[in-house]
Amino acid sequence: MLGAFVDGELPAGECEALQARLADDPRAAARVAAYRAQKAALQALCEGARVAGEDAAPGAAEPAGSAPAVFVLRAGVPWWWRAGIAASWVAVGAGLAVAATALVPRLAPGLAPELAAVSAPAAARSETPEAFARRADIAYAVYSPEQRHPVEVGAADEAHLVAWLSRRLGKPLSVPSLAEYGYTLVGGRLLPGNTGPAAQFMYENDAGERLTLYVASSARDRDPVRLLRDGNRRTFYWSTERTGYALSGPQTEPKLREIALDVCGALGGKPGQW
């Protein structure tokens, strides 16, 4: 109940009763304060780059009674300890630089050392299509069963949802209609991708089955539609114009491949050539 109170999920009557109880229960009040501090610390860690108010619908006011700002204090570290750690990392870096200078000519003959140094981090950041599909599959497995909070922004604010996610991904996004297959848009959310933000749009049919469309930047200009199987889940994935897409759904959806090909075509792909 205390956790629900901190998250603003209690009905008005229960909320007022609990507030009255907190006035006479220092132990419960201390626990509420600790929960709020923990929540603020997690938000600071996970949403430090978030612009104030960008998650709210246009014209919406900040929620009343929101928790006050909380400062998380950490124990100080002696300067001599930091200096010793820094010196150790300098020594390690120098050793790695010497090793890299010796190895790069052997591993990449004919490649300029400066080009090899630049290409290595880029290769490390790249993501295979299979890894991209796995990320989308995990997101589907996590959020599709959720009943109370399946999305961050509901379908009623679709225009705001698309504009917000387009701004975060740095490219114009669109939400294809799946009404032909009996699915309506539930909404969407922002997720972490391999090298930046990713978006997830969720659909649901009258039977309660859900599909998700996962979108993120891709280093690949175009990839054919492929299938990833994991337990009772299926994910069809592809890329078009350096944007990766993945449509995930249950194994019991017999038309999932047909839906994926239609979505691919609607978003600029050419599945007929594959």
Protein backbone atom coordinates (compact mmCIF):
# COMPACT_ATOMS: atom_id res chain seq x y z
CA MET A 1 0.00 0.00 0.00
CA LEU A 2 2.86 2.39 0.78
CA GLY A 3 4.41 1.72 -2.60
CA ALA A 4 1.10 2.39 -4.35
CA PHE A 5 0.77 5.61 -2.34
CA VAL A 6 4.20 6.84 -3.49
CA ASP A 7 3.34 6.00 -7.12
CA GLY A 8 -0.02 7.80 -6.92
CA GLU A 9 -2.02 4.63 -7.59
CA LEU A 10 -4.30 4.59 -4.54
CA PRO A 11 -7.97 5.63 -4.84
CA ALA A 12 -8.72 9.05 -3.36
CA GLY A 13 -10.41 7.67 -0.22
CA GLU A 14 -7.60 5.26 0.62
CA CYS A 15 -5.02 7.95 -0.12
CA GLU A 16 -6.58 10.35 2.39
CA ALA A 17 -6.87 7.63 5.03
CA LEU A 18 -3.23 6.69 4.57
CA GLN A 19 -2.10 10.31 4.80
CA ALA A 20 -3.90 10.58 8.14
CA ARG A 21 -2.19 7.41 9.33
CA LEU A 22 1.25 8.66 8.30
CA ALA A 23 0.81 11.68 10.55
CA ASP A 24 0.67 9.33 13.56
CA ASP A 25 3.01 6.57 12.34
CA PRO A 26 6.65 7.79 12.15
CA ARG A 27 7.86 4.37 11.02
CA ALA A 28 5.51 4.27 8.03
CA ALA A 29 6.28 7.92 7.25
CA ALA A 30 10.01 7.14 7.24
CA ARG A 31 9.41 4.24 4.87
CA VAL A 32 7.45 6.49 2.50
CA ALA A 33 10.30 9.01 2.55
CA ALA A 34 12.79 6.23 1.75
CA TYR A 35 10.62 5.01 -1.13
CA ARG A 36 10.44 8.53 -2.54
CA ALA A 37 14.20 8.96 -2.26
CA GLN A 38 14.78 5.64 -4.01
CA LYS A 39 12.33 6.53 -6.75
CA ALA A 40 13.95 9.93 -7.31
CA ALA A 41 17.41 8.34 -7.45
CA LEU A 42 16.29 5.78 -10.04
CA GLN A 43 14.66 8.48 -12.14
CA ALA A 44 17.82 10.56 -11.97
CA LEU A 45 19.90 7.60 -13.14
CA CYS A 46 17.57 6.46 -15.92
CA GLU A 47 16.16 9.75 -17.15
CA GLY A 48 18.95 12.21 -16.62
CA ALA A 49 18.80 13.37 -20.26
CA ARG A 50 15.02 13.77 -20.31
CA VAL A 51 13.67 17.22 -21.08
CA ALA A 52 11.18 18.41 -18.49
CA GLY A 53 7.60 17.94 -19.62
CA GLU A 54 8.37 16.10 -22.86
CA ASP A 55 6.58 12.95 -21.69
CA ALA A 56 3.39 14.81 -20.88
CA ALA A 57 0.60 15.32 -23.35
CA PRO A 58 0.48 18.82 -24.89
CA GLY A 59 -1.10 21.28 -22.45
CA ALA A 60 -1.09 18.80 -19.55
CA ALA A 61 -0.10 20.11 -16.13
CA GLU A 62 2.37 18.46 -13.81
CA PRO A 63 0.63 15.99 -11.44
CA ALA A 64 -0.40 17.45 -8.13
CA GLY A 65 1.37 16.28 -5.01
CA SER A 66 4.44 15.05 -6.87
CA ALA A 67 7.35 14.08 -4.68
CA PRO A 68 9.80 16.87 -3.83
CA ALA A 69 13.29 16.87 -5.26
CA VAL A 70 15.60 14.53 -3.38
CA PHE A 71 19.39 14.75 -3.26
CA VAL A 72 21.27 11.47 -3.05
CA LEU A 73 24.47 11.92 -1.04
CA ARG A 74 27.43 9.61 -1.52
CA ALA A 75 30.38 9.16 0.77
CA GLY A 76 33.40 11.19 -0.29
CA VAL A 77 36.49 9.46 -1.65
CA PRO A 78 39.95 10.68 -0.51
CA TRP A 79 41.89 12.56 -3.17
CA TRP A 80 44.87 10.25 -2.89
CA TRP A 81 42.64 7.25 -3.67
CA ARG A 82 41.29 8.91 -6.83
CA ALA A 83 44.81 9.89 -7.87
CA GLY A 84 46.02 6.31 -7.45
CA ILE A 85 43.15 4.92 -9.51
CA ALA A 86 43.75 7.51 -12.25
CA ALA A 87 47.45 6.65 -12.39
CA SER A 88 46.64 2.95 -12.66
CA TRP A 89 44.28 3.57 -15.60
CA VAL A 90 46.90 5.71 -17.33
CA ALA A 91 49.37 2.83 -17.06
CA VAL A 92 46.80 0.34 -18.36
CA GLY A 93 45.92 2.66 -21.26
CA ALA A 94 49.57 3.05 -22.22
CA GLY A 95 50.01 -0.72 -22.21
CA LEU A 96 46.94 -1.22 -24.40
CA ALA A 97 48.14 1.44 -26.83
CA VAL A 98 51.50 -0.32 -27.23
CA ALA A 99 49.76 -3.67 -27.77
CA ALA A 100 47.36 -2.19 -30.31
CA THR A 101 50.20 -0.56 -32.24
CA ALA A 102 51.85 -3.95 -32.55
CA LEU A 103 48.71 -5.91 -33.43
CA VAL A 104 46.88 -3.63 -35.88
CA PRO A 105 49.38 -4.05 -38.75
CA ARG A 106 49.11 -7.86 -38.38
CA LEU A 107 45.32 -7.98 -38.11
CA ALA A 108 44.61 -5.44 -40.84
CA PRO A 109 47.54 -5.37 -43.31
CA GLY A 110 47.44 -2.42 -45.67
CA LEU A 111 44.98 -0.51 -43.47
CA ALA A 112 46.19 2.82 -42.15
CA PRO A 113 46.59 2.74 -38.35
CA GLU A 114 44.37 5.77 -37.89
CA LEU A 115 41.60 4.16 -39.98
CA ALA A 116 41.88 0.93 -38.03
CA ALA A 117 41.59 2.84 -34.76
CA VAL A 118 38.41 4.55 -35.96
CA SER A 119 36.77 1.47 -37.45
CA ALA A 120 37.23 -0.72 -34.37
CA PRO A 121 34.86 1.22 -32.08
CA ALA A 122 32.27 1.46 -34.88
CA ALA A 123 32.39 -2.30 -35.38
CA ALA A 124 31.96 -2.83 -31.65
CA ARG A 125 28.88 -0.61 -31.64
CA SER A 126 27.21 -2.32 -34.62
CA GLU A 127 24.43 -4.81 -33.94
CA THR A 128 23.64 -7.92 -35.97
CA PRO A 129 20.08 -8.30 -37.29
CA GLU A 130 19.63 -11.34 -35.03
CA ALA A 131 20.67 -9.34 -31.96
CA PHE A 132 18.25 -6.59 -32.96
CA ALA A 133 15.44 -9.16 -33.26
CA ARG A 134 16.33 -10.61 -29.87
CA ARG A 135 16.08 -7.16 -28.31
CA ALA A 136 12.62 -6.68 -29.85
CA ASP A 137 11.53 -10.16 -28.72
CA ILE A 138 12.56 -9.43 -25.13
CA ALA A 139 10.66 -6.14 -25.18
CA TYR A 140 7.56 -7.97 -26.40
CA ALA A 141 7.93 -10.64 -23.71
CA VAL A 142 8.25 -7.97 -21.00
CA TYR A 143 5.45 -5.59 -21.96
CA SER A 144 2.80 -7.60 -23.84
CA PRO A 145 1.49 -9.36 -20.66
CA GLU A 146 1.26 -6.04 -18.76
CA GLN A 147 -2.33 -5.11 -17.95
CA ARG A 148 -2.14 -1.84 -16.01
CA HIS A 149 0.77 -0.13 -17.78
CA PRO A 150 1.36 -1.77 -21.17
CA VAL A 151 2.35 1.57 -22.78
CA GLU A 152 3.60 5.01 -21.75
CA VAL A 153 1.34 6.99 -24.09
CA GLY A 154 -2.07 5.64 -25.09
CA ALA A 155 -3.64 5.55 -28.54
CA ALA A 156 -5.90 8.49 -27.59
CA ASP A 157 -2.77 10.69 -27.89
CA GLU A 158 -1.42 9.05 -31.05
CA ALA A 159 -0.28 12.32 -32.63
CA HIS A 160 1.69 13.25 -29.50
CA LEU A 161 3.07 9.70 -29.25
CA VAL A 162 4.38 9.69 -32.83
CA ALA A 163 5.83 13.21 -32.57
CA TRP A 164 7.54 12.40 -29.25
CA LEU A 165 9.11 9.13 -30.43
CA SER A 166 10.10 10.66 -33.79
CA ARG A 167 11.93 13.42 -31.94
CA ARG A 168 13.71 10.99 -29.64
CA LEU A 169 14.78 8.66 -32.48
CA GLY A 170 15.73 11.58 -34.73
CA LYS A 171 13.64 10.40 -37.68
CA PRO A 172 9.99 10.59 -38.75
CA LEU A 173 7.99 7.58 -37.59
CA SER A 174 4.57 6.37 -38.63
CA VAL A 175 2.17 3.88 -37.09
CA PRO A 176 0.75 1.44 -39.68
CA SER A 177 -2.88 0.41 -39.28
CA LEU A 178 -3.60 -3.25 -38.55
CA ALA A 179 -7.39 -2.85 -38.54
CA GLU A 180 -7.61 -5.18 -41.53
CA TYR A 181 -6.36 -7.97 -39.27
CA GLY A 182 -8.54 -7.03 -36.30
CA TYR A 183 -5.84 -5.23 -34.28
CA THR A 184 -6.13 -1.71 -32.89
CA LEU A 185 -3.38 0.49 -31.50
CA VAL A 186 -2.96 0.41 -27.70
CA GLY A 187 -0.17 3.00 -27.62
CA GLY A 188 3.60 3.04 -27.41
CA ARG A 189 6.67 3.62 -25.28
CA LEU A 190 10.32 4.67 -25.44
CA LEU A 191 12.93 1.93 -24.92
CA PRO A 192 16.74 1.72 -24.93
CA GLY A 193 18.27 0.43 -28.15
CA ASN A 194 21.80 -0.73 -28.93
CA THR A 195 23.24 2.74 -29.62
CA GLY A 196 20.33 5.03 -28.80
CA PRO A 197 16.58 5.24 -28.24
CA ALA A 198 14.12 2.70 -29.64
CA ALA A 199 10.33 2.80 -29.94
CA GLN A 200 7.70 0.15 -29.33
CA PHE A 201 4.12 0.36 -30.64
CA MET A 202 1.57 -2.11 -29.24
CA TYR A 203 -1.59 -3.49 -30.88
CA GLU A 204 -4.38 -5.68 -29.47
CA ASN A 205 -7.32 -7.64 -30.94
CA ASP A 206 -10.71 -8.49 -29.44
CA ALA A 207 -9.34 -11.78 -28.08
CA GLY A 208 -6.71 -9.90 -26.04
CA GLU A 209 -3.77 -11.06 -28.18
CA ARG A 210 -1.10 -8.43 -28.66
CA LEU A 211 1.47 -7.56 -31.31
CA THR A 212 4.34 -5.09 -30.94
CA LEU A 213 6.26 -3.16 -33.58
CA TYR A 214 9.81 -2.35 -32.43
CA VAL A 215 11.71 0.42 -34.26
CA ALA A 216 15.33 1.55 -33.90
CA SER A 217 18.17 2.95 -35.99
CA SER A 218 20.17 0.41 -37.97
CA ALA A 219 23.62 0.48 -39.55
CA ARG A 220 22.23 -1.55 -42.46
CA ASP A 221 20.47 0.06 -45.40
CA ARG A 222 18.22 -2.89 -46.19
CA ASP A 223 17.70 -6.43 -44.93
CA PRO A 224 15.08 -8.99 -45.97
CA VAL A 225 12.26 -10.09 -43.70
CA ARG A 226 13.47 -12.90 -41.45
CA LEU A 227 12.00 -14.91 -38.58
CA LEU A 228 13.16 -15.38 -35.00
CA ARG A 229 11.54 -18.12 -32.90
CA ASP A 230 11.70 -18.17 -29.11
CA GLY A 231 9.35 -20.46 -27.19
CA ASN A 232 5.78 -19.48 -27.99
CA ARG A 233 6.82 -16.12 -29.48
CA ARG A 234 7.60 -15.19 -33.09
CA THR A 235 9.40 -12.09 -34.37
CA PHE A 236 9.67 -11.06 -38.03
CA TYR A 237 12.40 -8.46 -38.52
CA TRP A 238 13.91 -6.43 -41.36
CA SER A 239 15.55 -3.06 -42.10
CA THR A 240 14.76 -0.29 -44.57
CA GLU A 241 16.76 2.90 -45.14
CA ARG A 242 18.90 2.40 -42.03
CA THR A 243 15.90 1.79 -39.79
CA GLY A 244 15.29 -1.60 -38.21
CA TYR A 245 11.78 -2.97 -37.65
CA ALA A 246 10.57 -6.05 -35.78
CA LEU A 247 6.99 -7.29 -35.50
CA SER A 248 6.53 -9.66 -32.55
CA GLY A 249 3.51 -11.74 -31.63
CA PRO A 250 2.31 -15.07 -30.27
CA GLN A 251 2.87 -18.37 -32.03
CA THR A 252 -0.93 -18.76 -32.19
CA GLU A 253 -1.23 -15.89 -34.72
CA PRO A 254 -1.29 -17.77 -38.07
CA LYS A 255 -1.13 -14.60 -40.18
CA LEU A 256 1.85 -13.02 -38.43
CA ARG A 257 4.10 -13.35 -41.48
CA GLU A 258 1.44 -11.85 -43.73
CA ILE A 259 0.98 -8.97 -41.30
CA ALA A 260 4.77 -8.42 -41.14
CA LEU A 261 5.04 -8.26 -44.94
CA ASP A 262 2.19 -5.76 -45.11
CA VAL A 263 3.78 -3.62 -42.39
CA CYS A 264 7.13 -3.81 -44.18
CA GLY A 265 5.52 -2.54 -47.39
CA ALA A 266 3.62 0.20 -45.55
CA LEU A 267 6.87 1.48 -44.02
CA GLY A 268 8.77 1.74 -47.30
CA GLY A 269 10.18 -1.77 -47.69
CA LYS A 270 9.80 -4.01 -50.71
CA PRO A 271 9.07 -7.48 -49.39
CA GLY A 272 8.06 -8.68 -52.85
CA GLN A 273 11.73 -8.56 -53.93
CA TRP A 274 12.72 -10.94 -51.11
